[in-house]
Amino acid sequence: MAKLDVVQKVNGNLTVVSTWVDNKNGAKQAFHERCKLLYADAETTKGVVAILDDNLDVVDGMKEFIDKE
């Protein structure tokens, strides 16, 4: 059973956005939605969103750096 976490770090705060079990497609959809929300958020200037597995490895290269400065 594979567990995947969509995480974000914005303004120094690390947050687990959602957790997915045996659903890589769902995790990828949540990843893209979170990136879209942070790019649209006027208060977010820098951050990162990623999908991590149980070993804290990035899954399928799914890591996005947000830099609107």
Protein backbone atom coordinates (compact mmCIF):
# COMPACT_ATOMS: atom_id res chain seq x y z
CA MET A 1 0.00 0.00 0.00
CA ALA A 2 1.62 3.23 -1.18
CA LYS A 3 0.92 6.42 0.77
CA LEU A 4 1.58 9.76 -0.93
CA ASP A 5 1.45 13.21 0.66
CA VAL A 6 0.91 16.46 -1.22
CA VAL A 7 2.86 19.04 0.80
CA GLN A 8 3.48 22.76 0.56
CA LYS A 9 5.92 25.13 2.21
CA VAL A 10 4.87 28.77 2.05
CA ASN A 11 6.07 31.63 4.26
CA GLY A 12 8.19 29.18 6.27
CA ASN A 13 5.24 26.93 7.15
CA LEU A 14 5.21 23.29 6.00
CA THR A 15 1.73 21.81 5.56
CA VAL A 16 0.47 18.41 4.45
CA VAL A 17 -2.27 19.40 2.03
CA SER A 18 -3.65 15.89 1.47
CA THR A 19 -2.75 12.22 1.81
CA TRP A 20 -3.48 9.59 -0.82
CA VAL A 21 -3.32 5.80 -0.46
CA ASP A 22 -2.80 3.79 -3.66
CA ASN A 23 -4.02 6.74 -5.76
CA LYS A 24 -1.15 8.43 -7.59
CA ASN A 25 -3.55 10.04 -10.07
CA GLY A 26 -5.53 11.67 -7.25
CA ALA A 27 -2.31 12.95 -5.66
CA LYS A 28 -1.19 14.44 -8.98
CA GLN A 29 -4.53 16.18 -9.45
CA ALA A 30 -4.32 17.61 -5.91
CA PHE A 31 -0.73 18.74 -6.62
CA HIS A 32 -1.76 20.67 -9.74
CA GLU A 33 -4.76 22.21 -7.98
CA ARG A 34 -2.58 23.39 -5.07
CA CYS A 35 -0.05 24.94 -7.48
CA LYS A 36 -2.88 26.73 -9.28
CA LEU A 37 -4.26 28.09 -5.99
CA LEU A 38 -0.87 29.36 -4.79
CA TYR A 39 -0.06 31.05 -8.12
CA ALA A 40 -3.45 32.82 -7.93
CA ASP A 41 -3.04 33.81 -4.25
CA ALA A 42 -1.88 37.45 -4.05
CA GLU A 43 -0.26 36.95 -0.63
CA THR A 44 1.93 34.03 -1.74
CA THR A 45 5.20 35.24 -3.25
CA LYS A 46 7.41 32.18 -2.76
CA GLY A 47 6.78 28.56 -1.97
CA VAL A 48 7.09 24.96 -3.04
CA VAL A 49 4.59 22.16 -3.60
CA ALA A 50 5.57 18.50 -3.89
CA ILE A 51 4.31 14.94 -3.75
CA LEU A 52 6.33 12.87 -1.27
CA ASP A 53 6.30 9.13 -0.60
CA ASP A 54 6.88 7.40 2.74
CA ASN A 55 10.66 7.78 2.29
CA LEU A 56 10.26 11.56 1.73
CA ASP A 57 11.31 11.14 -1.91
CA VAL A 58 9.67 13.30 -4.58
CA VAL A 59 7.32 11.16 -6.67
CA ASP A 60 7.72 11.31 -10.47
CA GLY A 61 9.49 14.68 -10.29
CA MET A 62 6.34 16.33 -8.92
CA LYS A 63 7.86 19.40 -7.28
CA GLU A 64 7.02 22.98 -8.23
CA PHE A 65 8.84 26.08 -7.01
CA ILE A 66 6.66 29.19 -6.93
CA ASP A 67 8.49 32.51 -7.16
CA LYS A 68 6.42 35.56 -8.04
CA GLU A 69 8.92 38.17 -6.79
